[in-house]
C-alpha cells in the first residue's frame, strides 16, 4: 500500500454516501498535514489516495470486503485514531446520513472499537458539528 491506510480509510468514509464533497476532501488533506503520524498530503495528492481507494474497491468482491480489508490494514495502536478521524470526515460537511452512520458502525465493529469510545467520539462530533442542527445527524451510538 503506497498511502497511509488511515488516509485511504478516511477517503472511504468520505465516499460512504456515494459522493465525496469538497469539505470532506479539505478535511482529509488538513488532517494529513496536521497530524504528525500521518504522511503529509499535498492537496493535489488526494487524487492518488482516491485512486488507491478505487483500486481496492474494484479488486475486492464487495464494498464490505474492501472496508474489512482496509480496517485490517490499520495497526492496532492506531485504530482509535483512525476511527475518530473517519468520524470527523463524516461530520465535516455538517450532515451524517444513514449510509454514513452504517459506515462508522461497520468501522467500529471491524476494528473492535469499544462502545464507550464510539459513544465518546459521537458526543464529541455532535458538540463540534451539530450543536445547532442536531437533526442533521443520524446517531450511531448515543
Protein backbone atom coordinates (compact mmCIF):
# COMPACT_ATOMS: atom_id res chain seq x y z
CA UNK A 1 0.00 0.00 0.00
CA UNK A 2 1.60 3.25 -1.10
CA UNK A 3 -0.54 5.57 1.03
CA UNK A 4 -1.16 5.60 4.74
CA UNK A 5 -4.06 3.18 5.36
CA UNK A 6 -5.72 5.72 7.65
CA UNK A 7 -5.87 8.20 4.77
CA UNK A 8 -7.39 5.59 2.46
CA UNK A 9 -9.97 4.71 5.14
CA UNK A 10 -10.78 8.42 5.50
CA UNK A 11 -11.44 8.62 1.75
CA UNK A 12 -13.71 5.58 2.07
CA UNK A 13 -15.55 7.44 4.85
CA UNK A 14 -15.99 10.47 2.60
CA UNK A 15 -17.36 8.22 -0.14
CA UNK A 16 -19.71 6.29 2.19
CA UNK A 17 -22.78 8.16 0.95
CA UNK A 18 -21.80 7.80 -2.71
CA UNK A 19 -20.21 11.22 -3.12
CA UNK A 20 -17.03 12.89 -1.91
CA UNK A 21 -17.66 16.55 -1.11
CA UNK A 22 -15.08 19.35 -1.20
CA UNK A 23 -15.40 19.94 2.55
CA UNK A 24 -14.58 16.28 3.16
CA UNK A 25 -11.52 16.46 0.89
CA UNK A 26 -10.31 19.61 2.65
CA UNK A 27 -10.74 17.90 6.00
CA UNK A 28 -8.72 14.86 4.89
CA UNK A 29 -5.89 16.99 3.48
CA UNK A 30 -5.88 19.16 6.61
CA UNK A 31 -5.76 16.13 8.93
CA UNK A 32 -2.97 14.56 6.88
CA UNK A 33 -0.91 17.72 7.16
CA UNK A 34 -1.76 18.50 10.79
CA UNK A 35 -1.23 15.13 12.49
CA UNK A 36 2.47 14.25 12.56
CA UNK A 37 1.85 10.48 12.48
CA UNK A 38 0.11 10.70 9.11
CA UNK A 39 2.11 11.22 5.96
CA UNK A 40 1.71 14.79 4.77
CA UNK A 41 -0.59 15.09 1.81
CA UNK A 42 -0.43 17.99 -0.63
CA UNK A 43 -3.94 18.75 -1.87
CA UNK A 44 -3.13 17.51 -5.39
CA UNK A 45 -2.08 14.12 -3.97
CA UNK A 46 -5.58 13.40 -2.65
CA UNK A 47 -6.27 12.04 -6.13
CA UNK A 48 -3.57 9.38 -5.61
CA UNK A 49 -5.23 8.31 -2.36
CA UNK A 50 -8.64 8.31 -4.04
CA UNK A 51 -7.24 6.20 -6.89
CA UNK A 52 -5.82 3.70 -4.41
CA UNK A 53 -9.20 3.57 -2.70
CA UNK A 54 -10.90 2.91 -6.05
CA UNK A 55 -8.39 0.15 -6.84
CA UNK A 56 -9.09 -1.55 -3.52
CA UNK A 57 -12.84 -1.28 -4.12
CA UNK A 58 -12.59 -2.73 -7.62
CA UNK A 59 -10.27 -5.58 -6.58
CA UNK A 60 -12.48 -6.91 -3.80
CA UNK A 61 -15.77 -8.75 -4.13
CA UNK A 62 -17.86 -6.13 -2.30
CA UNK A 63 -17.76 -2.78 -0.54
CA UNK A 64 -17.91 -4.62 2.76
CA UNK A 65 -14.91 -6.78 1.82
CA UNK A 66 -12.99 -3.64 0.84
CA UNK A 67 -13.86 -2.00 4.15
CA UNK A 68 -12.81 -5.09 6.11
CA UNK A 69 -9.54 -5.18 4.16
CA UNK A 70 -8.81 -1.51 4.92
CA UNK A 71 -9.71 -1.83 8.60
CA UNK A 72 -7.29 -4.75 8.82
CA UNK A 73 -4.52 -2.56 7.37
CA UNK A 74 -4.73 -0.17 10.33
CA UNK A 75 -2.23 -1.12 13.06
CA UNK A 76 -3.86 -1.90 16.41
CA UNK A 77 -2.26 1.11 18.11
CA UNK A 78 -3.78 3.49 15.52
CA UNK A 79 -7.30 2.12 15.30
CA UNK A 80 -8.89 4.55 17.75
CA UNK A 81 -7.23 7.46 15.96
CA UNK A 82 -8.40 6.19 12.56
CA UNK A 83 -11.96 5.70 13.85
CA UNK A 84 -12.07 9.22 15.31
CA UNK A 85 -10.63 10.77 12.13
CA UNK A 86 -13.19 8.93 9.99
CA UNK A 87 -15.99 10.19 12.23
CA UNK A 88 -14.68 13.74 11.75
CA UNK A 89 -14.60 13.28 7.97
CA UNK A 90 -18.23 12.14 8.03
CA UNK A 91 -19.21 15.21 10.07
CA UNK A 92 -17.08 17.72 8.15
CA UNK A 93 -19.94 18.60 5.77
CA UNK A 94 -22.30 19.07 8.75
CA UNK A 95 -24.51 16.10 7.85
CA UNK A 96 -24.25 12.43 8.83
CA UNK A 97 -26.81 10.44 6.88
CA UNK A 98 -27.89 6.80 7.08
CA UNK A 99 -25.16 5.36 4.77
CA UNK A 100 -22.50 7.26 6.72
CA UNK A 101 -23.94 6.05 10.03
CA UNK A 102 -23.81 2.46 8.76
CA UNK A 103 -20.22 3.03 7.61
CA UNK A 104 -18.99 4.23 11.01
CA UNK A 105 -20.83 1.39 12.77
CA UNK A 106 -19.06 -1.09 10.48
CA UNK A 107 -15.67 0.52 11.10
CA UNK A 108 -16.33 0.24 14.85
CA UNK A 109 -17.10 -3.45 14.51
CA UNK A 110 -14.28 -4.35 12.09
CA UNK A 111 -11.65 -2.56 14.17
CA UNK A 112 -13.01 -3.75 17.54
CA UNK A 113 -13.60 -0.23 18.86
CA UNK A 114 -15.33 -0.24 22.24
CA UNK A 115 -18.87 1.08 22.52
CA UNK A 116 -17.70 3.56 25.16
CA UNK A 117 -15.05 5.02 22.85
CA UNK A 118 -17.50 5.17 19.91
CA UNK A 119 -20.08 6.96 22.07
CA UNK A 120 -17.44 9.44 23.22
CA UNK A 121 -16.44 10.16 19.63
CA UNK A 122 -20.05 10.64 18.63
CA UNK A 123 -20.70 13.03 21.52
CA UNK A 124 -17.60 14.99 20.52
CA UNK A 125 -18.76 15.18 16.90
CA UNK A 126 -22.23 16.31 17.99
CA UNK A 127 -20.74 19.02 20.22
CA UNK A 128 -18.40 20.32 17.50
CA UNK A 129 -20.50 19.96 14.35
CA UNK A 130 -24.17 19.61 15.29
CA UNK A 131 -24.82 21.70 18.39
CA UNK A 132 -27.21 23.95 16.43
CA UNK A 133 -28.52 21.34 13.99
CA UNK A 134 -28.98 18.04 15.83
CA UNK A 135 -31.48 16.93 13.16
CA UNK A 136 -28.62 16.69 10.62
CA UNK A 137 -27.09 13.59 12.20
CA UNK A 138 -28.28 10.01 12.14
CA UNK A 139 -26.91 8.94 15.50
CA UNK A 140 -24.98 5.71 15.58
CA UNK A 141 -24.03 5.14 19.21
CA UNK A 142 -25.84 7.58 21.55
